[in-house]
Each structure stands twice: as structure tokens, then as C-alpha cells.
Amino acid sequence: MITKTIQITEVTIDELADKVADKLLLKIEDYLKELSKSKNDELLTRQEVADYLRISLVTIHSWNKHGILNPIRMGNRILYKKKDILDVLEEQSINKKR
């Protein structure tokens, strides 16, 4: 049997609200990080990538050939990590700013 001791201290309502707000903020930040991570781990088909980037399948093939995109081959399927696509877009955006 586990026993726990509860210690009660006097706090103002504002102090209690601040403590609750801090804990809640940490939980929300963790949730948002997990949510964004799971969305970026999504796998896309060639057609989904083409639709997402508004380019043709021929362009996708060319980008694969030149190493711009890094496909994942699973049997006869070609898939792309959404995170990799977003990273390529981010890299291109940074290079244009220079």
C-alpha cells in the first residue's frame, strides 16, 4: 500500500492561477510539438507531392534524378516524407534571400 502526504500551503488566487497557467502552457506546448511532428512524418505519393507543389509528374521525376527530392522506394511504390518536401522548400526560400 502506497501512502502519500498532502501538504497544504497558503497561496493567493493569483499565485494559484499562475501555477495552473504555467502547467497548462507546458502541456499545450508539448501537444502542439507532437501534433506538428506527426503531420510532418506523413508519407506522400508522387501525385500528392505534385498536387501539393503544383508541379507535374515529369518535374517530380526530374527532381528525383537531380537529387532535389529523396524518394523512399517500397516495392514498386515511390513515396516522399512530407518533412523532406518542407525542408526542400525552406532551403530554397533561404537561398533566394541571400
N, C-alpha and C. Protein backbone atom coordinates (compact mmCIF):
# COMPACT_ATOMS: atom_id res chain seq x y z
N MET A 1 0.84 -1.17 0.00
CA MET A 1 0.00 0.00 0.00
C MET A 1 0.89 1.25 0.00
N ILE A 2 0.62 2.16 -0.92
CA ILE A 2 1.39 3.39 -1.04
C ILE A 2 0.63 4.51 -0.35
N THR A 3 1.32 5.22 0.51
CA THR A 3 0.69 6.37 1.16
C THR A 3 1.34 7.64 0.64
N LYS A 4 0.55 8.64 0.49
CA LYS A 4 1.04 9.93 0.02
C LYS A 4 0.67 10.99 1.04
N THR A 5 1.54 11.95 1.16
CA THR A 5 1.30 13.06 2.07
C THR A 5 0.94 14.29 1.25
N ILE A 6 -0.09 14.95 1.66
CA ILE A 6 -0.51 16.18 1.00
C ILE A 6 -0.19 17.34 1.94
N GLN A 7 0.54 18.29 1.40
CA GLN A 7 0.91 19.46 2.20
C GLN A 7 0.15 20.66 1.64
N ILE A 8 -0.52 21.35 2.50
CA ILE A 8 -1.32 22.49 2.08
C ILE A 8 -0.60 23.76 2.54
N THR A 9 -0.39 24.66 1.59
CA THR A 9 0.22 25.95 1.92
C THR A 9 -0.72 27.05 1.47
N GLU A 10 -0.58 28.16 2.10
CA GLU A 10 -1.44 29.29 1.75
C GLU A 10 -0.88 29.98 0.51
N VAL A 11 -1.74 30.11 -0.48
CA VAL A 11 -1.38 30.85 -1.70
C VAL A 11 -2.55 31.75 -2.06
N THR A 12 -2.20 32.82 -2.73
CA THR A 12 -3.26 33.71 -3.19
C THR A 12 -3.89 33.12 -4.44
N ILE A 13 -5.02 33.62 -4.79
CA ILE A 13 -5.71 33.16 -6.00
C ILE A 13 -4.85 33.44 -7.23
N ASP A 14 -4.18 34.59 -7.26
CA ASP A 14 -3.32 34.93 -8.39
C ASP A 14 -2.15 33.96 -8.51
N GLU A 15 -1.54 33.59 -7.38
CA GLU A 15 -0.43 32.63 -7.40
C GLU A 15 -0.90 31.26 -7.91
N LEU A 16 -2.07 30.83 -7.44
CA LEU A 16 -2.62 29.56 -7.88
C LEU A 16 -2.93 29.60 -9.38
N ALA A 17 -3.51 30.71 -9.83
CA ALA A 17 -3.82 30.85 -11.25
C ALA A 17 -2.54 30.82 -12.09
N ASP A 18 -1.48 31.48 -11.62
CA ASP A 18 -0.21 31.46 -12.34
C ASP A 18 0.37 30.06 -12.43
N LYS A 19 0.32 29.31 -11.33
CA LYS A 19 0.84 27.94 -11.32
C LYS A 19 0.06 27.06 -12.30
N VAL A 20 -1.25 27.18 -12.26
CA VAL A 20 -2.10 26.39 -13.17
C VAL A 20 -1.83 26.79 -14.62
N ALA A 21 -1.70 28.10 -14.88
CA ALA A 21 -1.44 28.58 -16.23
C ALA A 21 -0.09 28.08 -16.74
N ASP A 22 0.92 28.07 -15.89
CA ASP A 22 2.25 27.56 -16.29
C ASP A 22 2.19 26.09 -16.67
N LYS A 23 1.54 25.28 -15.85
CA LYS A 23 1.41 23.84 -16.13
C LYS A 23 0.61 23.62 -17.42
N LEU A 24 -0.46 24.37 -17.57
CA LEU A 24 -1.30 24.23 -18.76
C LEU A 24 -0.54 24.63 -20.02
N LEU A 25 0.24 25.69 -19.94
CA LEU A 25 1.03 26.14 -21.07
C LEU A 25 2.05 25.08 -21.49
N LEU A 26 2.70 24.44 -20.53
CA LEU A 26 3.65 23.37 -20.84
C LEU A 26 2.95 22.20 -21.54
N LYS A 27 1.79 21.83 -21.06
CA LYS A 27 1.04 20.73 -21.68
C LYS A 27 0.62 21.09 -23.10
N ILE A 28 0.18 22.32 -23.32
CA ILE A 28 -0.24 22.75 -24.66
C ILE A 28 0.96 22.76 -25.61
N GLU A 29 2.11 23.25 -25.15
CA GLU A 29 3.31 23.27 -25.99
C GLU A 29 3.72 21.85 -26.38
N ASP A 30 3.69 20.92 -25.43
CA ASP A 30 4.01 19.52 -25.73
C ASP A 30 3.04 18.95 -26.76
N TYR A 31 1.76 19.24 -26.58
CA TYR A 31 0.74 18.75 -27.51
C TYR A 31 0.97 19.30 -28.91
N LEU A 32 1.26 20.58 -29.04
CA LEU A 32 1.48 21.19 -30.35
C LEU A 32 2.73 20.64 -31.02
N LYS A 33 3.79 20.39 -30.25
CA LYS A 33 5.00 19.79 -30.81
C LYS A 33 4.70 18.40 -31.36
N GLU A 34 3.97 17.62 -30.60
CA GLU A 34 3.63 16.25 -31.02
C GLU A 34 2.72 16.29 -32.24
N LEU A 35 1.80 17.22 -32.27
CA LEU A 35 0.88 17.35 -33.40
C LEU A 35 1.62 17.73 -34.67
N SER A 36 2.54 18.68 -34.59
CA SER A 36 3.28 19.09 -35.79
C SER A 36 4.24 17.99 -36.24
N LYS A 37 4.81 17.25 -35.30
CA LYS A 37 5.73 16.18 -35.66
C LYS A 37 4.98 15.07 -36.41
N SER A 38 3.80 14.71 -35.95
CA SER A 38 3.07 13.62 -36.60
C SER A 38 2.60 14.03 -38.00
N LYS A 39 2.26 15.29 -38.20
CA LYS A 39 1.84 15.73 -39.53
C LYS A 39 3.00 15.72 -40.51
N ASN A 40 4.18 16.07 -40.05
CA ASN A 40 5.34 16.13 -40.93
C ASN A 40 5.93 14.75 -41.22
N ASP A 41 5.56 13.73 -40.46
CA ASP A 41 6.05 12.38 -40.70
C ASP A 41 5.19 11.66 -41.74
N GLU A 42 4.21 12.34 -42.26
CA GLU A 42 3.28 11.76 -43.23
C GLU A 42 4.01 11.41 -44.53
N LEU A 43 3.62 10.29 -45.15
CA LEU A 43 4.19 9.89 -46.43
C LEU A 43 3.24 10.29 -47.55
N LEU A 44 3.81 10.84 -48.63
CA LEU A 44 3.02 11.29 -49.77
C LEU A 44 3.40 10.51 -51.03
N THR A 45 2.43 10.29 -51.90
CA THR A 45 2.70 9.66 -53.19
C THR A 45 3.24 10.71 -54.15
N ARG A 46 3.68 10.26 -55.32
CA ARG A 46 4.18 11.20 -56.33
C ARG A 46 3.08 12.19 -56.72
N GLN A 47 1.87 11.68 -56.91
CA GLN A 47 0.76 12.54 -57.31
C GLN A 47 0.42 13.56 -56.21
N GLU A 48 0.46 13.13 -54.95
CA GLU A 48 0.18 14.05 -53.85
C GLU A 48 1.24 15.14 -53.75
N VAL A 49 2.50 14.78 -53.99
CA VAL A 49 3.57 15.78 -53.99
C VAL A 49 3.38 16.75 -55.14
N ALA A 50 3.05 16.22 -56.31
CA ALA A 50 2.83 17.08 -57.47
C ALA A 50 1.67 18.05 -57.22
N ASP A 51 0.60 17.55 -56.63
CA ASP A 51 -0.54 18.42 -56.31
C ASP A 51 -0.16 19.46 -55.25
N TYR A 52 0.57 19.02 -54.24
CA TYR A 52 0.96 19.90 -53.14
C TYR A 52 1.86 21.04 -53.64
N LEU A 53 2.82 20.70 -54.52
CA LEU A 53 3.75 21.71 -55.03
C LEU A 53 3.26 22.39 -56.31
N ARG A 54 2.15 21.88 -56.85
CA ARG A 54 1.57 22.39 -58.11
C ARG A 54 2.57 22.29 -59.26
N ILE A 55 3.15 21.09 -59.36
CA ILE A 55 4.07 20.81 -60.46
C ILE A 55 3.66 19.50 -61.12
N SER A 56 4.26 19.19 -62.25
CA SER A 56 3.90 17.97 -62.98
C SER A 56 4.69 16.77 -62.47
N LEU A 57 4.21 15.58 -62.85
CA LEU A 57 4.92 14.35 -62.50
C LEU A 57 6.28 14.29 -63.20
N VAL A 58 6.38 14.91 -64.36
CA VAL A 58 7.66 14.96 -65.09
C VAL A 58 8.68 15.76 -64.27
N THR A 59 8.24 16.85 -63.69
CA THR A 59 9.12 17.65 -62.84
C THR A 59 9.55 16.86 -61.61
N ILE A 60 8.62 16.13 -61.03
CA ILE A 60 8.95 15.28 -59.87
C ILE A 60 10.05 14.29 -60.27
N HIS A 61 9.89 13.65 -61.42
CA HIS A 61 10.89 12.69 -61.91
C HIS A 61 12.25 13.37 -62.09
N SER A 62 12.24 14.55 -62.68
CA SER A 62 13.48 15.30 -62.91
C SER A 62 14.15 15.66 -61.58
N TRP A 63 13.36 16.10 -60.62
CA TRP A 63 13.90 16.47 -59.31
C TRP A 63 14.47 15.24 -58.59
N ASN A 64 13.85 14.08 -58.78
CA ASN A 64 14.40 12.84 -58.21
C ASN A 64 15.76 12.56 -58.82
N LYS A 65 15.83 12.69 -60.14
CA LYS A 65 17.05 12.38 -60.89
C LYS A 65 18.21 13.30 -60.48
N HIS A 66 17.90 14.57 -60.21
CA HIS A 66 18.92 15.55 -59.85
C HIS A 66 19.16 15.64 -58.34
N GLY A 67 18.48 14.80 -57.56
CA GLY A 67 18.71 14.76 -56.12
C GLY A 67 18.05 15.86 -55.32
N ILE A 68 17.13 16.58 -55.93
CA ILE A 68 16.41 17.63 -55.20
C ILE A 68 15.45 17.00 -54.20
N LEU A 69 14.76 15.96 -54.64
CA LEU A 69 13.87 15.20 -53.76
C LEU A 69 14.49 13.83 -53.50
N ASN A 70 14.24 13.30 -52.33
CA ASN A 70 14.76 11.98 -51.96
C ASN A 70 13.60 11.03 -51.73
N PRO A 71 13.24 10.26 -52.76
CA PRO A 71 12.10 9.35 -52.62
C PRO A 71 12.43 8.14 -51.76
N ILE A 72 11.40 7.55 -51.21
CA ILE A 72 11.51 6.29 -50.49
C ILE A 72 10.86 5.24 -51.38
N ARG A 73 11.59 4.22 -51.71
CA ARG A 73 11.06 3.17 -52.59
C ARG A 73 10.63 1.99 -51.72
N MET A 74 9.37 1.62 -51.86
CA MET A 74 8.81 0.48 -51.14
C MET A 74 8.14 -0.43 -52.18
N GLY A 75 8.87 -1.46 -52.58
CA GLY A 75 8.36 -2.30 -53.65
C GLY A 75 8.32 -1.50 -54.93
N ASN A 76 7.16 -1.44 -55.56
CA ASN A 76 7.04 -0.65 -56.79
C ASN A 76 6.45 0.74 -56.52
N ARG A 77 6.33 1.11 -55.26
CA ARG A 77 5.78 2.42 -54.91
C ARG A 77 6.90 3.39 -54.59
N ILE A 78 6.68 4.63 -54.93
CA ILE A 78 7.61 5.72 -54.60
C ILE A 78 6.87 6.69 -53.70
N LEU A 79 7.43 6.90 -52.51
CA LEU A 79 6.81 7.78 -51.53
C LEU A 79 7.81 8.85 -51.08
N TYR A 80 7.28 9.91 -50.51
CA TYR A 80 8.10 11.04 -50.05
C TYR A 80 7.65 11.42 -48.65
N LYS A 81 8.61 11.75 -47.79
CA LYS A 81 8.27 12.27 -46.47
C LYS A 81 7.88 13.74 -46.61
N LYS A 82 6.76 14.10 -46.03
CA LYS A 82 6.30 15.48 -46.11
C LYS A 82 7.34 16.42 -45.50
N LYS A 83 7.99 15.97 -44.44
CA LYS A 83 9.03 16.78 -43.79
C LYS A 83 10.15 17.10 -44.77
N ASP A 84 10.56 16.11 -45.59
CA ASP A 84 11.61 16.34 -46.58
C ASP A 84 11.18 17.38 -47.61
N ILE A 85 9.93 17.30 -48.03
CA ILE A 85 9.40 18.28 -49.00
C ILE A 85 9.45 19.68 -48.39
N LEU A 86 9.00 19.80 -47.14
CA LEU A 86 9.01 21.11 -46.47
C LEU A 86 10.43 21.62 -46.27
N ASP A 87 11.36 20.71 -45.99
CA ASP A 87 12.76 21.11 -45.84
C ASP A 87 13.33 21.66 -47.14
N VAL A 88 12.99 21.03 -48.27
CA VAL A 88 13.46 21.50 -49.58
C VAL A 88 12.90 22.89 -49.85
N LEU A 89 11.63 23.10 -49.55
CA LEU A 89 11.03 24.42 -49.75
C LEU A 89 11.70 25.47 -48.87
N GLU A 90 11.97 25.11 -47.63
CA GLU A 90 12.63 26.03 -46.70
C GLU A 90 14.03 26.37 -47.19
N GLU A 91 14.76 25.37 -47.66
CA GLU A 91 16.13 25.59 -48.17
C GLU A 91 16.12 26.51 -49.38
N GLN A 92 15.16 26.32 -50.27
CA GLN A 92 15.05 27.17 -51.45
C GLN A 92 14.71 28.61 -51.03
N SER A 93 13.86 28.75 -50.04
CA SER A 93 13.47 30.07 -49.54
C SER A 93 14.69 30.78 -48.95
N ILE A 94 15.51 30.07 -48.21
CA ILE A 94 16.71 30.67 -47.61
C ILE A 94 17.70 31.06 -48.67
N ASN A 95 17.90 30.21 -49.69
CA ASN A 95 18.85 30.51 -50.76
C ASN A 95 18.43 31.73 -51.57
N LYS A 96 17.13 31.95 -51.75
CA LYS A 96 16.67 33.11 -52.51
C LYS A 96 16.88 34.41 -51.75
N LYS A 97 16.88 34.34 -50.42
CA LYS A 97 17.06 35.55 -49.61
C LYS A 97 18.50 36.04 -49.63
N ARG A 98 19.42 35.16 -49.96
CA ARG A 98 20.84 35.55 -49.96
C ARG A 98 21.19 36.41 -51.10
